[in-house]
């Protein structure tokens, strides 16, 4: 099979011929139809996070494809099923986090495209237990971005406890942000889209944003404060400055939800204002299998729209350059 392989953190990814992986007990072999390119894949390929993957490895944790083979003991899926291969590739299933619905916090977890080979390839092996069935009628190229960008932002909206009638600001409209906005609206919120790119703000308007803020020309704190502030600010831009702006945009009792991961791993937040205004700061990691099933169900019901562009797997390095340069409106999906 052909696969995009990280051979070293300081080198471009290589399209390499590899043997099709063999399935073991509890595993499935998936023929990949579509695989989203997430910013996490870029961090992985460049070794930019404190806990680094070990080259050589295959990135990709937004894989969608058809089950071609099942290993011994598999009962969750059958040959021909369409499944998604999410970031949470495996968890122990027995720790306090796993048994209380927080499997994404399992300290023994293995992550697709990071600690186990991912879906930027023609085939991938996955744990049958942690692959999620894609509903009939959902296009694999739409399902791929939902497998991470969708479930991550859906979980952020749930963690925020968004209630009908609240005002929610999305800082960073793009692959994640355009989905976060839609989920907030499904929960009954009035949304404010904040970005520095006119095209992305136009996208937000087309998806139902009540307000847009061009942070390239306007102070977002002043603009949002003039609206009366927001109850929730979900931050998807990996900038400490943006996080600080989001904090200052909150009403009393507001919730700041951190999703993005700034490279320097630090922000400055005022303690007095946080305490006296009763502001809560929440970290939100990717959602669970149950969350992803809900994301797929919403999409199958026509409640969400996925904006994406397709590229060939052979063009993955050019695709990475386009993502980093901001030349992508929302999400990129690779076709093996």
C-alpha atoms as a PDB file:
ATOM      1  CA  UNK A   1       0.000   0.000   0.000  1.00  0.00           C
ATOM      2  CA  UNK A   2       0.979   3.664  -0.318  1.00  0.00           C
ATOM      3  CA  UNK A   3       1.304   5.704   2.849  1.00  0.00           C
ATOM      4  CA  UNK A   4       2.499   9.139   3.891  1.00  0.00           C
ATOM      5  CA  UNK A   5       5.312   8.491   6.358  1.00  0.00           C
ATOM      6  CA  UNK A   6       7.094  10.801   8.780  1.00  0.00           C
ATOM      7  CA  UNK A   7      10.703   9.644   8.678  1.00  0.00           C
ATOM      8  CA  UNK A   8      12.166  12.550  10.666  1.00  0.00           C
ATOM      9  CA  UNK A   9      10.779  15.721  12.243  1.00  0.00           C
ATOM     10  CA  UNK A  10      12.951  17.996  10.109  1.00  0.00           C
ATOM     11  CA  UNK A  11      12.027  16.408   6.763  1.00  0.00           C
ATOM     12  CA  UNK A  12       8.927  16.493   4.554  1.00  0.00           C
ATOM     13  CA  UNK A  13       6.631  13.488   4.687  1.00  0.00           C
ATOM     14  CA  UNK A  14       7.402  10.758   2.169  1.00  0.00           C
ATOM     15  CA  UNK A  15       4.927   8.762   0.083  1.00  0.00           C
ATOM     16  CA  UNK A  16       6.210   5.247   0.639  1.00  0.00           C
ATOM     17  CA  UNK A  17       5.248   1.715  -0.362  1.00  0.00           C
ATOM     18  CA  UNK A  18       4.526  -0.387   2.727  1.00  0.00           C
ATOM     19  CA  UNK A  19       3.010  -3.812   3.334  1.00  0.00           C
ATOM     20  CA  UNK A  20      -0.691  -3.749   4.087  1.00  0.00           C
ATOM     21  CA  UNK A  21      -0.828  -4.110   7.889  1.00  0.00           C
ATOM     22  CA  UNK A  22      -2.105  -7.348   9.402  1.00  0.00           C
ATOM     23  CA  UNK A  23      -5.010  -7.413  11.846  1.00  0.00           C
ATOM     24  CA  UNK A  24      -4.658  -8.862  15.314  1.00  0.00           C
ATOM     25  CA  UNK A  25      -7.270  -9.878  17.888  1.00  0.00           C
ATOM     26  CA  UNK A  26      -9.912  -7.180  18.342  1.00  0.00           C
ATOM     27  CA  UNK A  27      -8.709  -5.241  15.292  1.00  0.00           C
ATOM     28  CA  UNK A  28     -10.097  -4.356  11.869  1.00  0.00           C
ATOM     29  CA  UNK A  29      -8.438  -3.574   8.547  1.00  0.00           C
ATOM     30  CA  UNK A  30      -9.923  -0.494   6.907  1.00  0.00           C
ATOM     31  CA  UNK A  31      -9.538   0.557   3.287  1.00  0.00           C
ATOM     32  CA  UNK A  32      -9.296   4.311   3.636  1.00  0.00           C
ATOM     33  CA  UNK A  33     -11.616   6.379   1.435  1.00  0.00           C
ATOM     34  CA  UNK A  34     -10.899   9.810   2.906  1.00  0.00           C
ATOM     35  CA  UNK A  35      -8.588  11.187   5.564  1.00  0.00           C
ATOM     36  CA  UNK A  36      -8.731  14.723   6.932  1.00  0.00           C
ATOM     37  CA  UNK A  37      -5.626  16.834   7.455  1.00  0.00           C
ATOM     38  CA  UNK A  38      -5.714  18.238  10.986  1.00  0.00           C
ATOM     39  CA  UNK A  39      -3.291  20.753  12.474  1.00  0.00           C
ATOM     40  CA  UNK A  40      -2.415  18.043  15.000  1.00  0.00           C
ATOM     41  CA  UNK A  41      -1.043  15.967  12.110  1.00  0.00           C
ATOM     42  CA  UNK A  42       1.307  18.839  11.321  1.00  0.00           C
ATOM     43  CA  UNK A  43       2.402  19.134  14.953  1.00  0.00           C
ATOM     44  CA  UNK A  44       3.012  15.375  14.970  1.00  0.00           C
ATOM     45  CA  UNK A  45       5.027  15.420  11.747  1.00  0.00           C
ATOM     46  CA  UNK A  46       7.227  18.208  13.113  1.00  0.00           C
ATOM     47  CA  UNK A  47       7.591  16.863  16.645  1.00  0.00           C
ATOM     48  CA  UNK A  48       6.266  20.101  18.094  1.00  0.00           C
ATOM     49  CA  UNK A  49       4.551  18.758  21.201  1.00  0.00           C
ATOM     50  CA  UNK A  50       6.259  17.809  24.485  1.00  0.00           C
ATOM     51  CA  UNK A  51       5.416  14.105  24.089  1.00  0.00           C
ATOM     52  CA  UNK A  52       6.635  13.287  20.600  1.00  0.00           C
ATOM     53  CA  UNK A  53       5.680  10.363  18.366  1.00  0.00           C
ATOM     54  CA  UNK A  54       8.428   8.027  17.243  1.00  0.00           C
ATOM     55  CA  UNK A  55       9.382   8.051  13.525  1.00  0.00           C
ATOM     56  CA  UNK A  56       8.749   6.366  11.236  1.00  0.00           C
ATOM     57  CA  UNK A  57       4.978   6.655  11.592  1.00  0.00           C
ATOM     58  CA  UNK A  58       1.875   7.420   9.523  1.00  0.00           C
ATOM     59  CA  UNK A  59      -0.193  10.471  10.637  1.00  0.00           C
ATOM     60  CA  UNK A  60      -3.917  10.918  10.183  1.00  0.00           C
ATOM     61  CA  UNK A  61      -6.712  10.682  12.770  1.00  0.00           C
ATOM     62  CA  UNK A  62      -9.678  11.689  10.621  1.00  0.00           C
ATOM     63  CA  UNK A  63      -9.795   8.501   8.606  1.00  0.00           C
ATOM     64  CA  UNK A  64     -12.987   7.099   7.091  1.00  0.00           C
ATOM     65  CA  UNK A  65     -13.207   3.893   5.110  1.00  0.00           C
ATOM     66  CA  UNK A  66     -14.659   0.434   4.628  1.00  0.00           C
ATOM     67  CA  UNK A  67     -13.874  -2.578   6.790  1.00  0.00           C
ATOM     68  CA  UNK A  68     -12.111  -5.176   4.642  1.00  0.00           C
ATOM     69  CA  UNK A  69     -11.080  -7.678   7.293  1.00  0.00           C
ATOM     70  CA  UNK A  70     -11.882  -8.365  10.936  1.00  0.00           C
ATOM     71  CA  UNK A  71      -9.550  -9.964  13.439  1.00  0.00           C
ATOM     72  CA  UNK A  72     -10.336 -12.687  15.976  1.00  0.00           C
ATOM     73  CA  UNK A  73     -12.951 -11.716  18.545  1.00  0.00           C
ATOM     74  CA  UNK A  74     -14.347  -8.721  16.663  1.00  0.00           C
ATOM     75  CA  UNK A  75     -18.094  -8.276  17.125  1.00  0.00           C
ATOM     76  CA  UNK A  76     -18.440  -4.481  16.815  1.00  0.00           C
ATOM     77  CA  UNK A  77     -18.089  -4.277  13.010  1.00  0.00           C
ATOM     78  CA  UNK A  78     -18.423  -6.469   9.940  1.00  0.00           C
ATOM     79  CA  UNK A  79     -16.795  -6.488   6.531  1.00  0.00           C
ATOM     80  CA  UNK A  80     -18.323  -3.715   4.423  1.00  0.00           C
ATOM     81  CA  UNK A  81     -19.144  -1.374   7.304  1.00  0.00           C
ATOM     82  CA  UNK A  82     -18.060   2.248   6.899  1.00  0.00           C
ATOM     83  CA  UNK A  83     -16.188   3.402   9.989  1.00  0.00           C
ATOM     84  CA  UNK A  84     -14.267   6.403  11.269  1.00  0.00           C
ATOM     85  CA  UNK A  85     -10.834   6.185  12.890  1.00  0.00           C
ATOM     86  CA  UNK A  86     -10.646   8.996  15.457  1.00  0.00           C
ATOM     87  CA  UNK A  87      -7.837  10.444  17.590  1.00  0.00           C
ATOM     88  CA  UNK A  88      -8.687   8.104  20.473  1.00  0.00           C
ATOM     89  CA  UNK A  89      -7.429   4.907  18.924  1.00  0.00           C
ATOM     90  CA  UNK A  90      -7.487   2.816  22.089  1.00  0.00           C
ATOM     91  CA  UNK A  91      -8.093   3.207  25.806  1.00  0.00           C
ATOM     92  CA  UNK A  92      -7.847   0.724  28.653  1.00  0.00           C
ATOM     93  CA  UNK A  93     -11.594   0.600  29.312  1.00  0.00           C
ATOM     94  CA  UNK A  94     -11.154  -0.079  33.033  1.00  0.00           C
ATOM     95  CA  UNK A  95      -9.682   3.048  34.656  1.00  0.00           C
ATOM     96  CA  UNK A  96     -11.778   5.609  36.539  1.00  0.00           C
ATOM     97  CA  UNK A  97     -11.880   7.866  33.484  1.00  0.00           C
ATOM     98  CA  UNK A  98     -12.959   5.155  31.058  1.00  0.00           C
ATOM     99  CA  UNK A  99     -15.765   3.831  33.236  1.00  0.00           C
ATOM    100  CA  UNK A 100     -17.187   7.283  33.983  1.00  0.00           C
ATOM    101  CA  UNK A 101     -17.520   8.506  30.397  1.00  0.00           C
ATOM    102  CA  UNK A 102     -14.184  10.319  30.169  1.00  0.00           C
ATOM    103  CA  UNK A 103     -12.236   7.790  28.103  1.00  0.00           C
ATOM    104  CA  UNK A 104     -10.408  10.641  26.362  1.00  0.00           C
ATOM    105  CA  UNK A 105      -8.590  11.289  29.654  1.00  0.00           C
ATOM    106  CA  UNK A 106      -7.372   7.679  29.978  1.00  0.00           C
ATOM    107  CA  UNK A 107      -3.691   7.779  30.922  1.00  0.00           C
ATOM    108  CA  UNK A 108      -2.989   4.607  28.931  1.00  0.00           C
ATOM    109  CA  UNK A 109      -4.631   5.769  25.704  1.00  0.00           C
ATOM    110  CA  UNK A 110      -3.092   5.340  22.288  1.00  0.00           C
ATOM    111  CA  UNK A 111      -3.730   7.923  19.624  1.00  0.00           C
ATOM    112  CA  UNK A 112      -4.323   7.355  15.937  1.00  0.00           C
ATOM    113  CA  UNK A 113      -1.632   8.885  13.750  1.00  0.00           C
ATOM    114  CA  UNK A 114       0.553   9.586  16.786  1.00  0.00           C
ATOM    115  CA  UNK A 115       1.338   6.561  18.917  1.00  0.00           C
ATOM    116  CA  UNK A 116      -0.185   4.143  16.382  1.00  0.00           C
ATOM    117  CA  UNK A 117      -0.096   4.426  12.586  1.00  0.00           C
ATOM    118  CA  UNK A 118      -2.918   6.525  11.196  1.00  0.00           C
ATOM    119  CA  UNK A 119      -5.057   6.969   8.117  1.00  0.00           C
ATOM    120  CA  UNK A 120      -2.890   8.951   5.695  1.00  0.00           C
ATOM    121  CA  UNK A 121      -2.525   5.719   3.760  1.00  0.00           C
ATOM    122  CA  UNK A 122      -4.506   3.365   1.579  1.00  0.00           C
ATOM    123  CA  UNK A 123      -5.142   1.006   4.502  1.00  0.00           C
ATOM    124  CA  UNK A 124      -5.101   1.285   8.272  1.00  0.00           C
ATOM    125  CA  UNK A 125      -5.547  -1.104  11.167  1.00  0.00           C
ATOM    126  CA  UNK A 126      -7.642   0.023  14.112  1.00  0.00           C
ATOM    127  CA  UNK A 127      -9.153  -1.253  17.323  1.00  0.00           C
ATOM    128  CA  UNK A 128     -12.664  -2.378  16.452  1.00  0.00           C
ATOM    129  CA  UNK A 129     -13.896  -1.116  19.814  1.00  0.00           C
ATOM    130  CA  UNK A 130     -12.773   2.458  19.161  1.00  0.00           C
ATOM    131  CA  UNK A 131     -13.702   2.756  15.490  1.00  0.00           C
ATOM    132  CA  UNK A 132     -17.076   4.484  15.117  1.00  0.00           C
ATOM    133  CA  UNK A 133     -19.730   3.483  12.600  1.00  0.00           C
ATOM    134  CA  UNK A 134     -20.554   6.137   9.987  1.00  0.00           C
ATOM    135  CA  UNK A 135     -24.309   6.289   9.285  1.00  0.00           C
ATOM    136  CA  UNK A 136     -25.590   5.308   5.870  1.00  0.00           C
ATOM    137  CA  UNK A 137     -25.887   8.273   3.549  1.00  0.00           C
ATOM    138  CA  UNK A 138     -23.073  10.310   5.141  1.00  0.00           C
ATOM    139  CA  UNK A 139     -20.394  11.065   2.548  1.00  0.00           C
ATOM    140  CA  UNK A 140     -16.943   9.825   3.681  1.00  0.00           C
ATOM    141  CA  UNK A 141     -15.366  13.151   2.677  1.00  0.00           C
ATOM    142  CA  UNK A 142     -17.776  14.939   5.017  1.00  0.00           C
ATOM    143  CA  UNK A 143     -17.441  12.330   7.736  1.00  0.00           C
ATOM    144  CA  UNK A 144     -13.647  12.704   7.836  1.00  0.00           C
ATOM    145  CA  UNK A 145     -13.539  16.295   9.212  1.00  0.00           C
ATOM    146  CA  UNK A 146     -16.339  15.449  11.632  1.00  0.00           C
ATOM    147  CA  UNK A 147     -14.140  12.705  13.081  1.00  0.00           C
ATOM    148  CA  UNK A 148     -11.877  15.261  14.767  1.00  0.00           C
ATOM    149  CA  UNK A 149     -12.806  18.865  13.965  1.00  0.00           C
ATOM    150  CA  UNK A 150     -16.465  18.048  14.469  1.00  0.00           C
ATOM    151  CA  UNK A 151     -16.286  15.969  17.627  1.00  0.00           C
ATOM    152  CA  UNK A 152     -13.711  18.311  19.194  1.00  0.00           C
ATOM    153  CA  UNK A 153     -15.859  21.413  18.790  1.00  0.00           C
ATOM    154  CA  UNK A 154     -19.079  19.585  19.627  1.00  0.00           C
ATOM    155  CA  UNK A 155     -17.470  18.507  22.891  1.00  0.00           C
ATOM    156  CA  UNK A 156     -16.331  22.079  23.576  1.00  0.00           C
ATOM    157  CA  UNK A 157     -19.912  23.319  23.241  1.00  0.00           C
ATOM    158  CA  UNK A 158     -21.081  20.556  25.594  1.00  0.00           C
ATOM    159  CA  UNK A 159     -18.311  21.269  28.119  1.00  0.00           C
ATOM    160  CA  UNK A 160     -19.315  24.947  28.064  1.00  0.00           C
ATOM    161  CA  UNK A 161     -22.851  24.011  29.008  1.00  0.00           C
ATOM    162  CA  UNK A 162     -24.290  26.279  26.315  1.00  0.00           C
ATOM    163  CA  UNK A 163     -27.960  27.054  26.946  1.00  0.00           C
ATOM    164  CA  UNK A 164     -30.658  28.409  24.606  1.00  0.00           C
ATOM    165  CA  UNK A 165     -30.559  32.187  24.358  1.00  0.00           C
ATOM    166  CA  UNK A 166     -26.949  32.560  25.429  1.00  0.00           C
ATOM    167  CA  UNK A 167     -24.428  34.449  23.319  1.00  0.00           C
ATOM    168  CA  UNK A 168     -21.368  32.442  22.236  1.00  0.00           C
ATOM    169  CA  UNK A 169     -18.249  33.827  20.568  1.00  0.00           C
ATOM    170  CA  UNK A 170     -16.137  31.577  18.374  1.00  0.00           C
ATOM    171  CA  UNK A 171     -12.577  32.868  18.141  1.00  0.00           C
ATOM    172  CA  UNK A 172     -11.170  31.411  14.922  1.00  0.00           C
ATOM    173  CA  UNK A 173     -13.493  30.484  12.064  1.00  0.00           C
ATOM    174  CA  UNK A 174     -11.989  27.740   9.958  1.00  0.00           C
ATOM    175  CA  UNK A 175     -11.898  23.966   9.921  1.00  0.00           C
ATOM    176  CA  UNK A 176     -12.966  23.762  13.566  1.00  0.00           C
ATOM    177  CA  UNK A 177     -14.653  27.126  13.960  1.00  0.00           C
ATOM    178  CA  UNK A 178     -17.249  26.752  11.225  1.00  0.00           C
ATOM    179  CA  UNK A 179     -18.418  23.570  12.945  1.00  0.00           C
ATOM    180  CA  UNK A 180     -18.255  25.001  16.485  1.00  0.00           C
ATOM    181  CA  UNK A 181     -20.525  27.821  15.348  1.00  0.00           C
ATOM    182  CA  UNK A 182     -23.091  25.386  13.986  1.00  0.00           C
ATOM    183  CA  UNK A 183     -23.116  23.288  17.162  1.00  0.00           C
ATOM    184  CA  UNK A 184     -23.547  26.372  19.345  1.00  0.00           C
ATOM    185  CA  UNK A 185     -26.526  27.375  17.190  1.00  0.00           C
ATOM    186  CA  UNK A 186     -28.000  23.873  17.441  1.00  0.00           C
ATOM    187  CA  UNK A 187     -27.839  24.304  21.223  1.00  0.00           C
ATOM    188  CA  UNK A 188     -29.868  27.500  20.807  1.00  0.00           C
ATOM    189  CA  UNK A 189     -27.139  30.127  21.096  1.00  0.00           C
ATOM    190  CA  UNK A 190     -26.705  33.449  19.328  1.00  0.00           C
ATOM    191  CA  UNK A 191     -23.214  33.303  17.802  1.00  0.00           C
ATOM    192  CA  UNK A 192     -20.458  35.838  17.289  1.00  0.00           C
ATOM    193  CA  UNK A 193     -17.755  34.844  14.787  1.00  0.00           C
ATOM    194  CA  UNK A 194     -14.295  36.357  15.282  1.00  0.00           C
ATOM    195  CA  UNK A 195     -11.526  36.018  12.704  1.00  0.00           C
ATOM    196  CA  UNK A 196      -8.956  38.044  10.761  1.00  0.00           C
ATOM    197  CA  UNK A 197     -10.002  36.839   7.301  1.00  0.00           C
ATOM    198  CA  UNK A 198     -12.950  38.352   5.449  1.00  0.00           C
ATOM    199  CA  UNK A 199     -13.698  35.128   3.559  1.00  0.00           C
ATOM    200  CA  UNK A 200     -14.020  33.156   6.789  1.00  0.00           C
ATOM    201  CA  UNK A 201     -16.321  35.765   8.275  1.00  0.00           C
ATOM    202  CA  UNK A 202     -18.464  35.574   5.142  1.00  0.00           C
ATOM    203  CA  UNK A 203     -18.610  31.806   5.660  1.00  0.00           C
ATOM    204  CA  UNK A 204     -19.709  32.383   9.255  1.00  0.00           C
ATOM    205  CA  UNK A 205     -22.490  34.690   8.093  1.00  0.00           C
ATOM    206  CA  UNK A 206     -23.672  32.131   5.558  1.00  0.00           C
ATOM    207  CA  UNK A 207     -23.850  29.562   8.370  1.00  0.00           C
ATOM    208  CA  UNK A 208     -26.023  31.782  10.535  1.00  0.00           C
ATOM    209  CA  UNK A 209     -23.721  33.900  12.705  1.00  0.00           C
ATOM    210  CA  UNK A 210     -25.648  36.776  14.272  1.00  0.00           C
ATOM    211  CA  UNK A 211     -22.517  38.937  14.456  1.00  0.00           C
ATOM    212  CA  UNK A 212     -19.055  38.919  12.898  1.00  0.00           C
ATOM    213  CA  UNK A 213     -15.919  40.667  14.109  1.00  0.00           C
ATOM    214  CA  UNK A 214     -12.947  41.313  11.854  1.00  0.00           C
ATOM    215  CA  UNK A 215     -10.137  41.241  14.405  1.00  0.00           C
ATOM    216  CA  UNK A 216      -7.694  42.481  11.760  1.00  0.00           C
ATOM    217  CA  UNK A 217      -9.388  45.883  11.693  1.00  0.00           C
ATOM    218  CA  UNK A 218     -11.417  46.026  14.901  1.00  0.00           C
ATOM    219  CA  UNK A 219     -10.626  45.444  18.578  1.00  0.00           C
ATOM    220  CA  UNK A 220     -12.728  42.331  19.265  1.00  0.00           C
ATOM    221  CA  UNK A 221     -13.002  43.122  22.973  1.00  0.00           C
ATOM    222  CA  UNK A 222     -14.485  46.558  22.289  1.00  0.00           C
ATOM    223  CA  UNK A 223     -16.818  45.216  19.617  1.00  0.00           C
ATOM    224  CA  UNK A 224     -18.101  42.327  21.731  1.00  0.00           C
ATOM    225  CA  UNK A 225     -18.389  44.470  24.852  1.00  0.00           C
ATOM    226  CA  UNK A 226     -20.555  46.870  22.843  1.00  0.00           C
ATOM    227  CA  UNK A 227     -22.861  43.931  22.107  1.00  0.00           C
ATOM    228  CA  UNK A 228     -23.140  43.287  25.856  1.00  0.00           C
ATOM    229  CA  UNK A 229     -20.401  40.680  26.117  1.00  0.00           C
ATOM    230  CA  UNK A 230     -20.729  36.943  25.658  1.00  0.00           C
ATOM    231  CA  UNK A 231     -21.687  34.105  27.969  1.00  0.00           C
ATOM    232  CA  UNK A 232     -19.219  31.691  26.384  1.00  0.00           C
ATOM    233  CA  UNK A 233     -16.015  32.202  24.421  1.00  0.00           C
ATOM    234  CA  UNK A 234     -14.621  29.157  22.608  1.00  0.00           C
ATOM    235  CA  UNK A 235     -11.022  29.701  21.505  1.00  0.00           C
ATOM    236  CA  UNK A 236      -9.815  27.797  18.445  1.00  0.00           C
ATOM    237  CA  UNK A 237      -6.985  30.136  17.406  1.00  0.00           C
ATOM    238  CA  UNK A 238      -3.608  29.070  18.817  1.00  0.00           C
ATOM    239  CA  UNK A 239      -2.597  32.486  20.062  1.00  0.00           C
ATOM    240  CA  UNK A 240      -2.188  33.573  23.702  1.00  0.00           C
ATOM    241  CA  UNK A 241      -3.309  37.082  22.710  1.00  0.00           C
ATOM    242  CA  UNK A 242      -6.562  35.730  21.281  1.00  0.00           C
ATOM    243  CA  UNK A 243      -7.216  33.742  24.462  1.00  0.00           C
ATOM    244  CA  UNK A 244      -6.703  36.886  26.528  1.00  0.00           C
ATOM    245  CA  UNK A 245      -9.077  38.822  24.264  1.00  0.00           C
ATOM    246  CA  UNK A 246     -11.682  36.085  24.626  1.00  0.00           C
ATOM    247  CA  UNK A 247     -11.409  36.288  28.415  1.00  0.00           C
ATOM    248  CA  UNK A 248     -11.965  40.051  28.382  1.00  0.00           C
ATOM    249  CA  UNK A 249     -15.031  39.616  26.152  1.00  0.00           C
ATOM    250  CA  UNK A 250     -16.943  37.590  28.738  1.00  0.00           C
ATOM    251  CA  UNK A 251     -19.896  38.722  30.768  1.00  0.00           C
ATOM    252  CA  UNK A 252     -20.031  38.070  34.507  1.00  0.00           C
ATOM    253  CA  UNK A 253     -20.430  34.345  35.051  1.00  0.00           C
ATOM    254  CA  UNK A 254     -18.998  33.622  31.609  1.00  0.00           C
ATOM    255  CA  UNK A 255     -17.118  30.511  30.533  1.00  0.00           C
ATOM    256  CA  UNK A 256     -13.812  30.551  28.653  1.00  0.00           C
ATOM    257  CA  UNK A 257     -13.288  27.274  26.775  1.00  0.00           C
ATOM    258  CA  UNK A 258      -9.746  26.487  25.671  1.00  0.00           C
ATOM    259  CA  UNK A 259      -9.346  24.116  22.739  1.00  0.00           C
ATOM    260  CA  UNK A 260      -6.324  25.381  20.786  1.00  0.00           C
ATOM    261  CA  UNK A 261      -2.784  24.693  21.972  1.00  0.00           C
ATOM    262  CA  UNK A 262      -0.421  27.711  21.729  1.00  0.00           C
ATOM    263  CA  UNK A 263       3.145  26.713  20.937  1.00  0.00           C
ATOM    264  CA  UNK A 264       4.618  28.395  24.003  1.00  0.00           C
ATOM    265  CA  UNK A 265       2.107  26.660  26.307  1.00  0.00           C
ATOM    266  CA  UNK A 266       1.375  29.789  28.367  1.00  0.00           C
ATOM    267  CA  UNK A 267      -1.202  32.558  28.667  1.00  0.00           C
ATOM    268  CA  UNK A 268      -1.735  35.492  31.019  1.00  0.00           C
ATOM    269  CA  UNK A 269      -5.140  35.827  32.619  1.00  0.00           C
ATOM    270  CA  UNK A 270      -6.073  38.381  35.297  1.00  0.00           C
ATOM    271  CA  UNK A 271      -6.931  36.674  38.578  1.00  0.00           C
ATOM    272  CA  UNK A 272      -8.965  39.538  40.090  1.00  0.00           C
ATOM    273  CA  UNK A 273     -11.289  39.822  37.093  1.00  0.00           C
ATOM    274  CA  UNK A 274     -11.630  36.052  36.849  1.00  0.00           C
ATOM    275  CA  UNK A 275     -12.596  35.707  40.514  1.00  0.00           C
ATOM    276  CA  UNK A 276     -14.724  38.819  40.937  1.00  0.00           C
ATOM    277  CA  UNK A 277     -16.665  38.216  37.699  1.00  0.00           C
ATOM    278  CA  UNK A 278     -17.128  34.512  38.450  1.00  0.00           C
ATOM    279  CA  UNK A 279     -15.496  33.457  35.198  1.00  0.00           C
ATOM    280  CA  UNK A 280     -14.774  29.781  34.640  1.00  0.00           C
ATOM    281  CA  UNK A 281     -11.813  28.625  32.545  1.00  0.00           C
ATOM    282  CA  UNK A 282     -12.377  25.199  31.009  1.00  0.00           C
ATOM    283  CA  UNK A 283     -10.086  22.960  28.998  1.00  0.00           C
ATOM    284  CA  UNK A 284     -11.839  20.796  26.432  1.00  0.00           C
ATOM    285  CA  UNK A 285     -10.221  17.806  24.768  1.00  0.00           C
ATOM    286  CA  UNK A 286     -11.605  15.764  21.860  1.00  0.00           C
ATOM    287  CA  UNK A 287     -14.929  13.994  22.410  1.00  0.00           C
ATOM    288  CA  UNK A 288     -15.633  10.336  23.087  1.00  0.00           C
ATOM    289  CA  UNK A 289     -17.033   7.615  20.828  1.00  0.00           C
ATOM    290  CA  UNK A 290     -20.495   8.502  22.073  1.00  0.00           C
ATOM    291  CA  UNK A 291     -19.925  12.168  21.223  1.00  0.00           C
ATOM    292  CA  UNK A 292     -18.777  11.240  17.713  1.00  0.00           C
ATOM    293  CA  UNK A 293     -21.873   9.086  17.204  1.00  0.00           C
ATOM    294  CA  UNK A 294     -23.978  12.145  18.128  1.00  0.00           C
ATOM    295  CA  UNK A 295     -21.992  14.312  15.690  1.00  0.00           C
ATOM    296  CA  UNK A 296     -22.636  11.829  12.886  1.00  0.00           C
ATOM    297  CA  UNK A 297     -26.332  11.617  13.791  1.00  0.00           C
ATOM    298  CA  UNK A 298     -26.687  15.412  13.615  1.00  0.00           C
ATOM    299  CA  UNK A 299     -25.018  15.466  10.219  1.00  0.00           C
ATOM    300  CA  UNK A 300     -27.111  12.580   8.909  1.00  0.00           C
ATOM    301  CA  UNK A 301     -30.187  14.564   9.970  1.00  0.00           C
ATOM    302  CA  UNK A 302     -29.039  17.544   7.890  1.00  0.00           C
ATOM    303  CA  UNK A 303     -28.255  19.757  10.877  1.00  0.00           C
ATOM    304  CA  UNK A 304     -24.637  20.564   9.932  1.00  0.00           C
ATOM    305  CA  UNK A 305     -22.668  21.511   6.858  1.00  0.00           C
ATOM    306  CA  UNK A 306     -19.015  20.557   6.367  1.00  0.00           C
ATOM    307  CA  UNK A 307     -16.877  22.905   4.271  1.00  0.00           C
ATOM    308  CA  UNK A 308     -13.857  21.112   2.823  1.00  0.00           C
ATOM    309  CA  UNK A 309     -11.472  20.813  -0.101  1.00  0.00           C
ATOM    310  CA  UNK A 310      -9.998  17.574  -1.432  1.00  0.00           C
ATOM    311  CA  UNK A 311      -6.378  16.837  -2.242  1.00  0.00           C
ATOM    312  CA  UNK A 312      -4.518  13.729  -3.353  1.00  0.00           C
ATOM    313  CA  UNK A 313      -2.401  11.939  -0.755  1.00  0.00           C
ATOM    314  CA  UNK A 314       0.619  12.522  -3.021  1.00  0.00           C
ATOM    315  CA  UNK A 315       0.199  16.266  -2.448  1.00  0.00           C
ATOM    316  CA  UNK A 316       0.289  16.119   1.343  1.00  0.00           C
ATOM    317  CA  UNK A 317       3.331  18.364   1.784  1.00  0.00           C
ATOM    318  CA  UNK A 318       1.809  21.068  -0.412  1.00  0.00           C
ATOM    319  CA  UNK A 319      -1.415  20.663   1.564  1.00  0.00           C
ATOM    320  CA  UNK A 320       0.474  21.244   4.813  1.00  0.00           C
ATOM    321  CA  UNK A 321       2.005  24.415   3.365  1.00  0.00           C
ATOM    322  CA  UNK A 322      -1.446  25.679   2.385  1.00  0.00           C
ATOM    323  CA  UNK A 323      -2.842  25.039   5.873  1.00  0.00           C
ATOM    324  CA  UNK A 324       0.056  26.832   7.544  1.00  0.00           C
ATOM    325  CA  UNK A 325      -0.229  29.769   5.135  1.00  0.00           C
ATOM    326  CA  UNK A 326      -3.958  30.156   5.808  1.00  0.00           C
ATOM    327  CA  UNK A 327      -4.902  29.384   2.219  1.00  0.00           C
ATOM    328  CA  UNK A 328      -7.604  26.887   3.218  1.00  0.00           C
ATOM    329  CA  UNK A 329     -11.118  28.134   3.923  1.00  0.00           C
ATOM    330  CA  UNK A 330     -12.016  25.339   6.327  1.00  0.00           C
ATOM    331  CA  UNK A 331     -10.842  21.713   6.109  1.00  0.00           C
ATOM    332  CA  UNK A 332      -8.663  19.660   3.768  1.00  0.00           C
ATOM    333  CA  UNK A 333      -9.454  16.011   3.084  1.00  0.00           C
ATOM    334  CA  UNK A 334      -6.919  13.684   1.478  1.00  0.00           C
ATOM    335  CA  UNK A 335      -7.883  11.010  -1.047  1.00  0.00           C
ATOM    336  CA  UNK A 336      -5.536   7.979  -1.099  1.00  0.00           C
END
